């Protein structure tokens, strides 16, 4: 359990530091223009889409392993 706690705390620390780094970058840029804004928003949306797909992929693998039977294997061919 302490391994999971350490991993959770590390991920929380990384997420918090990413927010701080993003605000620091926006503070350093003297006059933001539309190119900078579109680049940063595109990067942020790409990261969010990636995280959503990875979460769905991991969940679907767990569900697939739990429901793995010979009948479900033959049904997977059709769907």
C-alpha atoms as a PDB file:
ATOM      1  CA  UNK A   1       0.000   0.000   0.000  1.00  0.00           C
ATOM      2  CA  UNK A   2       2.849   2.396   0.688  1.00  0.00           C
ATOM      3  CA  UNK A   3       4.010   1.887  -2.921  1.00  0.00           C
ATOM      4  CA  UNK A   4       0.649   3.123  -4.200  1.00  0.00           C
ATOM      5  CA  UNK A   5       0.726   6.047  -1.810  1.00  0.00           C
ATOM      6  CA  UNK A   6       4.194   7.070  -2.947  1.00  0.00           C
ATOM      7  CA  UNK A   7       3.168   6.836  -6.608  1.00  0.00           C
ATOM      8  CA  UNK A   8       0.039   8.900  -5.963  1.00  0.00           C
ATOM      9  CA  UNK A   9       1.995  11.579  -4.136  1.00  0.00           C
ATOM     10  CA  UNK A  10       4.601  11.697  -6.904  1.00  0.00           C
ATOM     11  CA  UNK A  11       1.956  12.088  -9.604  1.00  0.00           C
ATOM     12  CA  UNK A  12       0.231  14.817  -7.600  1.00  0.00           C
ATOM     13  CA  UNK A  13       3.531  16.631  -7.195  1.00  0.00           C
ATOM     14  CA  UNK A  14       4.212  16.391 -10.940  1.00  0.00           C
ATOM     15  CA  UNK A  15       0.752  17.711 -11.807  1.00  0.00           C
ATOM     16  CA  UNK A  16       1.144  20.618  -9.422  1.00  0.00           C
ATOM     17  CA  UNK A  17       4.586  21.481 -10.738  1.00  0.00           C
ATOM     18  CA  UNK A  18       3.278  21.386 -14.319  1.00  0.00           C
ATOM     19  CA  UNK A  19       0.710  24.017 -13.375  1.00  0.00           C
ATOM     20  CA  UNK A  20       3.426  26.148 -11.830  1.00  0.00           C
ATOM     21  CA  UNK A  21       5.689  25.783 -14.860  1.00  0.00           C
ATOM     22  CA  UNK A  22       2.836  26.757 -17.185  1.00  0.00           C
ATOM     23  CA  UNK A  23       2.069  29.873 -15.182  1.00  0.00           C
ATOM     24  CA  UNK A  24       5.760  30.771 -15.099  1.00  0.00           C
ATOM     25  CA  UNK A  25       5.973  30.499 -18.881  1.00  0.00           C
ATOM     26  CA  UNK A  26       2.927  32.706 -19.322  1.00  0.00           C
ATOM     27  CA  UNK A  27       4.454  35.245 -16.941  1.00  0.00           C
ATOM     28  CA  UNK A  28       7.800  35.290 -18.784  1.00  0.00           C
ATOM     29  CA  UNK A  29       6.320  35.821 -22.266  1.00  0.00           C
ATOM     30  CA  UNK A  30       6.232  39.629 -22.634  1.00  0.00           C
ATOM     31  CA  UNK A  31       3.374  40.026 -25.130  1.00  0.00           C
ATOM     32  CA  UNK A  32       1.517  36.830 -25.909  1.00  0.00           C
ATOM     33  CA  UNK A  33       0.265  36.556 -29.463  1.00  0.00           C
ATOM     34  CA  UNK A  34      -2.201  34.231 -31.133  1.00  0.00           C
ATOM     35  CA  UNK A  35       0.510  31.815 -32.294  1.00  0.00           C
ATOM     36  CA  UNK A  36       1.660  31.230 -28.730  1.00  0.00           C
ATOM     37  CA  UNK A  37      -1.897  30.860 -27.505  1.00  0.00           C
ATOM     38  CA  UNK A  38      -2.861  28.401 -30.245  1.00  0.00           C
ATOM     39  CA  UNK A  39       0.296  26.351 -29.693  1.00  0.00           C
ATOM     40  CA  UNK A  40      -0.209  26.095 -25.941  1.00  0.00           C
ATOM     41  CA  UNK A  41      -3.933  25.297 -26.222  1.00  0.00           C
ATOM     42  CA  UNK A  42      -3.237  22.666 -28.877  1.00  0.00           C
ATOM     43  CA  UNK A  43      -0.612  21.038 -26.677  1.00  0.00           C
ATOM     44  CA  UNK A  44      -2.908  21.079 -23.643  1.00  0.00           C
ATOM     45  CA  UNK A  45      -5.818  19.551 -25.558  1.00  0.00           C
ATOM     46  CA  UNK A  46      -3.546  16.869 -27.014  1.00  0.00           C
ATOM     47  CA  UNK A  47      -2.343  15.900 -23.553  1.00  0.00           C
ATOM     48  CA  UNK A  48      -5.916  15.716 -22.245  1.00  0.00           C
ATOM     49  CA  UNK A  49      -7.039  13.528 -25.148  1.00  0.00           C
ATOM     50  CA  UNK A  50      -4.031  11.246 -24.638  1.00  0.00           C
ATOM     51  CA  UNK A  51      -4.774  10.841 -20.924  1.00  0.00           C
ATOM     52  CA  UNK A  52      -8.437  10.072 -21.635  1.00  0.00           C
ATOM     53  CA  UNK A  53      -7.572   7.390 -24.205  1.00  0.00           C
ATOM     54  CA  UNK A  54      -4.942   5.767 -21.990  1.00  0.00           C
ATOM     55  CA  UNK A  55      -7.413   5.626 -19.108  1.00  0.00           C
ATOM     56  CA  UNK A  56     -10.078   4.054 -21.328  1.00  0.00           C
ATOM     57  CA  UNK A  57      -7.569   1.617 -22.810  1.00  0.00           C
ATOM     58  CA  UNK A  58      -6.383   0.395 -19.396  1.00  0.00           C
ATOM     59  CA  UNK A  59      -9.956  -0.005 -18.172  1.00  0.00           C
ATOM     60  CA  UNK A  60     -10.963  -1.952 -21.263  1.00  0.00           C
ATOM     61  CA  UNK A  61      -8.012  -4.326 -20.875  1.00  0.00           C
ATOM     62  CA  UNK A  62      -9.048  -5.083 -17.290  1.00  0.00           C
ATOM     63  CA  UNK A  63     -12.648  -5.709 -18.340  1.00  0.00           C
ATOM     64  CA  UNK A  64     -11.538  -7.916 -21.224  1.00  0.00           C
ATOM     65  CA  UNK A  65      -9.409 -10.075 -18.948  1.00  0.00           C
ATOM     66  CA  UNK A  66     -12.233 -10.454 -16.443  1.00  0.00           C
ATOM     67  CA  UNK A  67     -14.748 -11.606 -19.080  1.00  0.00           C
ATOM     68  CA  UNK A  68     -12.428 -13.829 -21.122  1.00  0.00           C
ATOM     69  CA  UNK A  69     -14.215 -17.094 -21.972  1.00  0.00           C
ATOM     70  CA  UNK A  70     -14.260 -19.256 -25.119  1.00  0.00           C
ATOM     71  CA  UNK A  71     -17.687 -17.871 -26.019  1.00  0.00           C
ATOM     72  CA  UNK A  72     -16.549 -14.288 -25.657  1.00  0.00           C
ATOM     73  CA  UNK A  73     -13.488 -15.048 -27.789  1.00  0.00           C
ATOM     74  CA  UNK A  74     -15.684 -16.249 -30.644  1.00  0.00           C
ATOM     75  CA  UNK A  75     -17.941 -13.198 -30.255  1.00  0.00           C
ATOM     76  CA  UNK A  76     -14.921 -10.886 -30.495  1.00  0.00           C
ATOM     77  CA  UNK A  77     -14.438 -11.998 -34.080  1.00  0.00           C
ATOM     78  CA  UNK A  78     -17.792 -10.513 -35.048  1.00  0.00           C
ATOM     79  CA  UNK A  79     -17.559  -7.310 -33.004  1.00  0.00           C
END
